[in-house]
Amino acid sequence: MLITASEEVMRHLPGFISGNFHASTDGSTVVNYVQWESRETLQAAQTDAAARVHMDRAMEIAERIEPRIYTVEAVHHR
């Protein structure tokens, strides 16, 4: 569901840079790491009607959602 939401809606919103989903190998947890151009574009996405449909559905089925806003401090590539 999260992948579909990203493909169909989120990646088309202004300010979206990238979205990554990490699933634990035991199937108990999914981490959704999304990059936005700014806090303002994130806030606009959070109020977008089409995006809200997907976010509300995720909130209905998730046992726990812990949203956080981070700043990139370092990036390392191989």
Protein backbone atom coordinates (compact mmCIF):
# COMPACT_ATOMS: atom_id res chain seq x y z
CA MET A 1 0.00 0.00 0.00
CA LEU A 2 2.81 2.46 0.86
CA ILE A 3 4.67 1.71 -2.35
CA THR A 4 1.52 2.23 -4.40
CA ALA A 5 0.82 5.54 -2.62
CA SER A 6 4.34 6.73 -3.38
CA GLU A 7 4.17 5.66 -7.03
CA GLU A 8 0.72 7.08 -7.70
CA VAL A 9 0.58 10.20 -5.54
CA MET A 10 3.46 11.23 -3.31
CA ARG A 11 6.28 11.33 -5.88
CA HIS A 12 4.23 13.71 -8.02
CA LEU A 13 3.77 16.30 -5.27
CA PRO A 14 5.87 19.49 -5.34
CA GLY A 15 9.02 19.17 -3.27
CA PHE A 16 9.21 15.37 -3.23
CA ILE A 17 12.79 14.16 -3.63
CA SER A 18 12.75 10.46 -2.81
CA GLY A 19 11.02 7.76 -0.82
CA ASN A 20 12.54 4.59 0.60
CA PHE A 21 10.87 1.70 2.36
CA HIS A 22 12.79 -0.63 4.63
CA ALA A 23 11.01 -3.78 5.85
CA SER A 24 12.36 -5.75 8.78
CA THR A 25 13.24 -9.33 7.92
CA ASP A 26 10.80 -10.62 10.55
CA GLY A 27 7.95 -8.73 8.86
CA SER A 28 7.04 -6.74 11.97
CA THR A 29 8.20 -3.25 11.01
CA VAL A 30 8.37 -0.92 8.01
CA VAL A 31 10.40 2.26 7.97
CA ASN A 32 9.33 4.88 5.45
CA TYR A 33 12.19 7.32 4.82
CA VAL A 34 11.08 10.23 2.62
CA GLN A 35 13.05 13.28 1.56
CA TRP A 36 11.38 16.61 0.80
CA GLU A 37 12.91 19.86 -0.47
CA SER A 38 11.75 21.72 2.64
CA ARG A 39 9.59 21.52 5.73
CA GLU A 40 7.04 23.64 3.86
CA THR A 41 6.72 21.15 0.97
CA LEU A 42 6.31 18.33 3.51
CA GLN A 43 3.57 20.26 5.30
CA ALA A 44 1.82 20.94 1.98
CA ALA A 45 1.96 17.21 1.15
CA GLN A 46 0.45 16.37 4.52
CA THR A 47 -2.61 18.46 3.69
CA ASP A 48 -2.97 17.37 0.05
CA ALA A 49 -6.34 15.63 -0.41
CA ALA A 50 -5.01 12.75 -2.52
CA ALA A 51 -2.08 12.17 -0.18
CA ARG A 52 -4.37 12.26 2.87
CA VAL A 53 -6.35 9.30 1.53
CA HIS A 54 -3.20 7.16 1.59
CA MET A 55 -1.84 8.53 4.87
CA ASP A 56 -5.18 7.99 6.62
CA ARG A 57 -5.36 4.40 5.34
CA ALA A 58 -1.84 3.70 6.61
CA MET A 59 -2.79 5.09 10.02
CA GLU A 60 -5.80 2.77 10.14
CA ILE A 61 -3.75 -0.40 9.70
CA ALA A 62 -0.50 0.49 11.48
CA GLU A 63 -0.08 -0.52 15.09
CA ARG A 64 2.29 2.36 15.72
CA ILE A 65 3.32 5.41 13.71
CA GLU A 66 6.16 7.58 14.95
CA PRO A 67 6.73 10.46 12.50
CA ARG A 68 9.91 12.47 12.90
CA ILE A 69 11.59 15.27 10.95
CA TYR A 70 15.35 15.00 10.58
CA THR A 71 18.13 16.98 8.96
CA VAL A 72 20.79 15.25 6.85
CA GLU A 73 24.08 15.48 8.74
CA ALA A 74 26.22 13.17 6.61
CA VAL A 75 25.91 10.94 3.56
CA HIS A 76 28.37 8.17 2.77
CA HIS A 77 28.50 6.21 -0.46
CA ARG A 78 30.60 3.30 -1.45
